Amino acid sequence: MTAPDTFLDTAMVLAAGLGTRIRALSGDKPKPLVDVAGKPLVDWSLDLLAAGGVSRAVVNIHYKAEQIEAHLASRLKPGIIFSDERGELLETGGGLMKATPHLGEGPVFCTNTDAILDDQTGEIIRRLRRAWQDDEMDGLLLLVPIEQTSGYDGQGDFSLGADGRVARDGDGPRYVFTGLQIIHPRLWAGEPVTKQSTRVFWDKAMAAGRLYGLLYEGRWMHVGDPEGHRAATDYLTGGANAEAI
C-alpha cells in the first residue's frame, strides 16, 4: 500500500557546517546561503522537501547562524524550526541527536544543503516515502551512479545489493550517497548527545541488516567548492558546458 504524504512529513536539514572549501564564493555568507542559478542552496533543499509533502523542517545552525535565521524567518512551506548549535558544532550525527525533541519518535527525512537534485516536483521524496518499510529499515539512503554526478571526484560510497541493502565493500557498481535519506531516531535513542558523524548510525544499521538504498537516476550536483558551483550553475542554466557535465 502506498504511504500517504501525511506520513513522514518531517525533515532534518543539516545547515550548520563551516563551508571552508567554498569561502572564495561565499564571502560573508554561510554555505547554505550561497546562490546557485538564482536560488540559495538551502532553498533548493527546502523547496524539494515541500514539493514532496514535507510540512516541517528542523534546520540546525552554527556558522553565521543569524543570517540563516533571517533568511528563513518568513518561510511557511515547510515550516521551520531551528536547532541551535552556536555553542558547539556537533557534526551530522550529533546534530540529529540534539534535534530529536523537535523531530519526534518516527522516521524523518534528512538532507544536506551542499547538493542539488534535478527534481522540481518532489517525486524523489515521494519515492523514498513509498519505499520505506518500518519493520525492516532503520535507514534508507538515496544513491546515485557516479556518472550522473557533478562536483564529485570520489570512487563512490556504497554498493547496492539485489535485496536493496547497502554495503561499503560489496560486489557490483559503486554509488554515491546524495545526502538525502530517511533515518529512524531509534538508532540513537537513549544515548547522550555527542559530536559524531551519521556514519556511526549507518554502521549500526548495516550491522543489523537494516540499512537500505534507493537508486536515483537523475542528475546530482555537489556544490562543495567553486568548481562544483560552476558545474551546477552551468547545468541548471543551460550554460555552454552543461552537456559536458
Protein backbone atom coordinates (compact mmCIF):
# COMPACT_ATOMS: atom_id res chain seq x y z
CA MET A 1 0.00 0.00 0.00
CA THR A 2 1.34 3.44 -0.93
CA ALA A 3 2.14 5.60 2.07
CA PRO A 4 0.18 8.87 2.16
CA ASP A 5 2.02 12.19 2.00
CA THR A 6 0.96 12.86 5.59
CA PHE A 7 3.30 10.05 6.66
CA LEU A 8 6.95 11.04 7.02
CA ASP A 9 6.26 14.76 6.83
CA THR A 10 9.22 15.97 8.97
CA ALA A 11 12.79 16.57 7.83
CA MET A 12 16.15 17.43 9.32
CA VAL A 13 18.10 19.94 7.21
CA LEU A 14 21.81 20.00 8.02
CA ALA A 15 22.91 23.62 7.66
CA ALA A 16 25.48 24.02 10.44
CA GLY A 17 28.70 23.28 8.56
CA LEU A 18 31.58 25.74 8.19
CA GLY A 19 31.78 25.59 4.38
CA THR A 20 35.51 26.32 4.25
CA ARG A 21 36.05 24.98 0.71
CA ILE A 22 33.57 27.39 -0.84
CA ARG A 23 34.63 30.54 1.03
CA ALA A 24 36.08 32.03 -2.17
CA LEU A 25 32.49 32.32 -3.42
CA SER A 26 30.51 32.62 -0.22
CA GLY A 27 32.41 35.58 1.24
CA ASP A 28 30.50 36.68 4.34
CA LYS A 29 27.66 34.20 3.75
CA PRO A 30 27.32 30.72 5.25
CA LYS A 31 27.37 27.97 2.63
CA PRO A 32 23.59 27.27 2.77
CA LEU A 33 23.00 30.82 1.50
CA VAL A 34 25.34 30.54 -1.49
CA ASP A 35 23.32 31.28 -4.62
CA VAL A 36 23.14 28.66 -7.38
CA ALA A 37 21.22 29.57 -10.53
CA GLY A 38 19.24 32.23 -8.70
CA LYS A 39 18.42 30.32 -5.53
CA PRO A 40 20.32 29.77 -2.25
CA LEU A 41 21.39 26.18 -1.59
CA VAL A 42 19.16 25.83 1.48
CA ASP A 43 16.13 26.79 -0.61
CA TRP A 44 16.92 24.12 -3.20
CA SER A 45 16.70 21.58 -0.36
CA LEU A 46 13.61 23.07 1.29
CA ASP A 47 11.72 23.51 -1.98
CA LEU A 48 12.32 19.84 -2.84
CA LEU A 49 11.07 18.73 0.57
CA ALA A 50 7.99 20.96 0.35
CA ALA A 51 7.16 19.69 -3.14
CA GLY A 52 7.30 16.15 -1.77
CA GLY A 53 4.82 16.83 1.03
CA VAL A 54 7.15 17.61 3.94
CA SER A 55 5.45 20.13 6.22
CA ARG A 56 8.07 20.61 8.99
CA ALA A 57 11.82 21.12 8.66
CA VAL A 58 14.25 21.29 11.57
CA VAL A 59 17.27 23.31 10.45
CA ASN A 60 20.44 23.19 12.53
CA ILE A 61 22.58 26.32 12.59
CA HIS A 62 26.08 27.23 13.75
CA TYR A 63 28.26 29.32 11.41
CA LYS A 64 26.71 32.72 10.57
CA ALA A 65 23.56 31.39 12.19
CA GLU A 66 21.82 34.77 12.33
CA GLN A 67 21.95 35.06 8.54
CA ILE A 68 20.20 31.73 8.08
CA GLU A 69 17.61 32.63 10.71
CA ALA A 70 16.86 35.91 8.94
CA HIS A 71 16.67 34.28 5.52
CA LEU A 72 14.20 31.62 6.65
CA ALA A 73 12.18 33.79 9.04
CA SER A 74 9.24 34.20 6.66
CA ARG A 75 9.28 30.71 5.16
CA LEU A 76 5.96 28.86 5.52
CA LYS A 77 6.39 25.66 3.49
CA PRO A 78 7.85 23.72 5.06
CA GLY A 79 7.51 25.35 8.45
CA ILE A 80 10.92 25.97 10.01
CA ILE A 81 12.18 25.05 13.47
CA PHE A 82 15.78 25.92 14.34
CA SER A 83 18.12 23.66 16.28
CA ASP A 84 20.79 25.99 17.63
CA GLU A 85 24.36 24.66 17.64
CA ARG A 86 26.11 28.00 18.09
CA GLY A 87 27.62 26.71 21.33
CA GLU A 88 29.18 23.60 19.75
CA LEU A 89 29.23 22.17 16.24
CA LEU A 90 28.05 18.57 16.62
CA GLU A 91 28.61 17.15 13.10
CA THR A 92 25.81 15.39 11.23
CA GLY A 93 25.01 12.65 13.75
CA GLY A 94 25.24 14.89 16.79
CA GLY A 95 23.06 17.43 15.04
CA LEU A 96 20.35 14.82 14.59
CA MET A 97 20.65 13.78 18.22
CA LYS A 98 20.28 17.34 19.51
CA ALA A 99 17.30 17.99 17.25
CA THR A 100 15.45 14.82 18.29
CA PRO A 101 12.94 16.61 20.58
CA HIS A 102 11.75 18.51 17.52
CA LEU A 103 11.83 15.52 15.16
CA GLY A 104 9.56 13.17 17.06
CA GLU A 105 9.83 9.42 17.52
CA GLY A 106 9.22 8.22 13.96
CA PRO A 107 11.39 8.18 10.84
CA VAL A 108 12.38 11.50 9.30
CA PHE A 109 13.90 12.76 6.10
CA CYS A 110 17.40 14.15 6.48
CA THR A 111 19.29 16.15 3.88
CA ASN A 112 22.48 18.10 3.43
CA THR A 113 22.44 21.59 1.94
CA ASP A 114 25.52 21.34 -0.27
CA ALA A 115 23.96 19.39 -3.14
CA ILE A 116 21.12 19.78 -5.63
CA LEU A 117 18.96 17.05 -7.14
CA ASP A 118 17.49 17.69 -10.57
CA ASP A 119 13.92 17.27 -9.33
CA GLN A 120 11.50 20.17 -9.10
CA THR A 121 8.39 18.05 -8.48
CA GLY A 122 9.33 16.32 -5.22
CA GLU A 123 8.87 12.90 -6.84
CA ILE A 124 12.07 11.56 -5.27
CA ILE A 125 10.72 12.47 -1.82
CA ARG A 126 7.54 10.54 -2.58
CA ARG A 127 9.57 7.58 -3.90
CA LEU A 128 11.59 7.43 -0.70
CA ARG A 129 8.42 7.63 1.37
CA ARG A 130 6.80 4.80 -0.60
CA ALA A 131 9.93 2.66 -0.30
CA TRP A 132 10.21 2.98 3.48
CA GLN A 133 9.41 -0.24 5.37
CA ASP A 134 9.47 0.49 9.06
CA ASP A 135 9.61 -3.13 10.18
CA GLU A 136 12.71 -3.77 8.03
CA MET A 137 14.61 -0.49 7.89
CA ASP A 138 16.43 1.90 10.18
CA GLY A 139 17.87 3.90 7.29
CA LEU A 140 17.15 4.39 3.59
CA LEU A 141 19.83 6.25 1.61
CA LEU A 142 19.29 7.87 -1.77
CA LEU A 143 22.17 6.81 -4.02
CA VAL A 144 23.20 7.93 -7.49
CA PRO A 145 25.52 6.44 -10.15
CA ILE A 146 28.88 8.22 -10.28
CA GLU A 147 28.38 9.12 -13.95
CA GLN A 148 25.25 11.09 -13.02
CA THR A 149 27.15 13.44 -10.69
CA SER A 150 28.99 16.73 -10.93
CA GLY A 151 31.31 18.35 -8.42
CA TYR A 152 32.31 14.90 -7.15
CA ASP A 153 35.70 13.22 -7.60
CA GLY A 154 35.43 10.16 -5.34
CA GLN A 155 35.05 6.46 -6.08
CA GLY A 156 31.56 6.03 -4.65
CA ASP A 157 30.33 5.37 -1.13
CA PHE A 158 28.30 2.15 -1.23
CA SER A 159 27.37 -0.87 -3.29
CA LEU A 160 23.72 -1.86 -3.59
CA GLY A 161 22.67 -5.47 -3.19
CA ALA A 162 19.87 -7.19 -5.07
CA ASP A 163 17.83 -7.12 -1.87
CA GLY A 164 18.20 -3.34 -1.61
CA ARG A 165 20.68 -3.41 1.29
CA VAL A 166 23.77 -1.25 1.07
CA ALA A 167 27.34 -2.26 1.87
CA ARG A 168 30.61 -0.37 1.92
CA ASP A 169 32.54 -3.13 0.12
CA GLY A 170 30.10 -5.23 -1.86
CA ASP A 171 30.14 -6.58 -5.40
CA GLY A 172 28.94 -4.57 -8.36
CA PRO A 173 28.95 -0.85 -9.12
CA ARG A 174 29.71 1.81 -6.54
CA TYR A 175 27.17 4.52 -5.90
CA VAL A 176 27.39 7.98 -4.36
CA PHE A 177 25.32 8.99 -1.34
CA THR A 178 23.35 12.08 -2.34
CA GLY A 179 22.98 13.50 1.17
CA LEU A 180 19.23 12.71 1.21
CA GLN A 181 17.95 9.87 3.35
CA ILE A 182 15.25 8.62 5.68
CA ILE A 183 16.58 7.73 9.11
CA HIS A 184 14.92 6.49 12.29
CA PRO A 185 15.73 8.04 15.71
CA ARG A 186 15.73 4.60 17.32
CA LEU A 187 19.33 4.33 16.06
CA TRP A 188 20.41 6.75 18.79
CA ALA A 189 17.53 6.54 21.26
CA GLY A 190 18.63 6.82 24.88
CA GLU A 191 22.16 7.95 24.04
CA PRO A 192 23.60 11.29 25.22
CA VAL A 193 24.13 13.95 22.58
CA THR A 194 27.73 13.71 21.36
CA LYS A 195 29.72 15.06 18.45
CA GLN A 196 29.71 12.33 15.80
CA SER A 197 29.02 11.54 12.17
CA THR A 198 25.85 9.96 10.82
CA ARG A 199 28.17 7.16 9.67
CA VAL A 200 28.03 5.81 13.22
CA PHE A 201 24.28 5.25 12.81
CA TRP A 202 24.71 3.76 9.35
CA ASP A 203 27.26 1.27 10.65
CA LYS A 204 24.86 0.24 13.40
CA ALA A 205 22.03 -0.22 10.90
CA MET A 206 24.27 -2.10 8.45
CA ALA A 207 25.42 -4.49 11.16
CA ALA A 208 21.77 -5.32 11.82
CA GLY A 209 20.95 -5.67 8.11
CA ARG A 210 18.63 -2.65 8.32
CA LEU A 211 20.35 -0.08 6.06
CA TYR A 212 18.89 0.10 2.55
CA GLY A 213 19.43 2.17 -0.55
CA LEU A 214 17.23 3.61 -3.29
CA LEU A 215 18.73 4.45 -6.66
CA TYR A 216 18.18 7.87 -8.22
CA GLU A 217 18.76 8.06 -11.97
CA GLY A 218 18.64 11.85 -12.31
CA ARG A 219 21.41 14.41 -12.07
CA TRP A 220 23.04 15.08 -8.68
CA MET A 221 25.16 18.19 -8.28
CA HIS A 222 27.56 18.52 -5.36
CA VAL A 223 28.24 22.19 -4.56
CA GLY A 224 31.07 21.96 -2.06
CA ASP A 225 33.64 24.14 -3.82
CA PRO A 226 33.86 26.74 -6.62
CA GLU A 227 34.27 24.09 -9.34
CA GLY A 228 31.18 22.23 -8.18
CA HIS A 229 29.31 25.53 -8.08
CA ARG A 230 30.30 26.29 -11.67
CA ALA A 231 29.22 22.85 -12.89
CA ALA A 232 25.84 23.05 -11.15
CA THR A 233 25.20 26.58 -12.43
CA ASP A 234 26.04 25.56 -15.99
CA TYR A 235 23.72 22.57 -15.83
CA LEU A 236 20.79 24.41 -14.25
CA THR A 237 21.04 27.45 -16.53
CA GLY A 238 21.84 25.57 -19.75
CA GLY A 239 25.29 27.10 -19.92
CA ALA A 240 27.90 26.34 -22.57
CA ASN A 241 29.35 23.43 -20.60
CA ALA A 242 26.03 21.91 -19.49
CA GLU A 243 26.11 18.99 -21.93
CA ALA A 244 29.62 18.04 -20.85
CA ILE A 245 28.76 17.74 -17.17
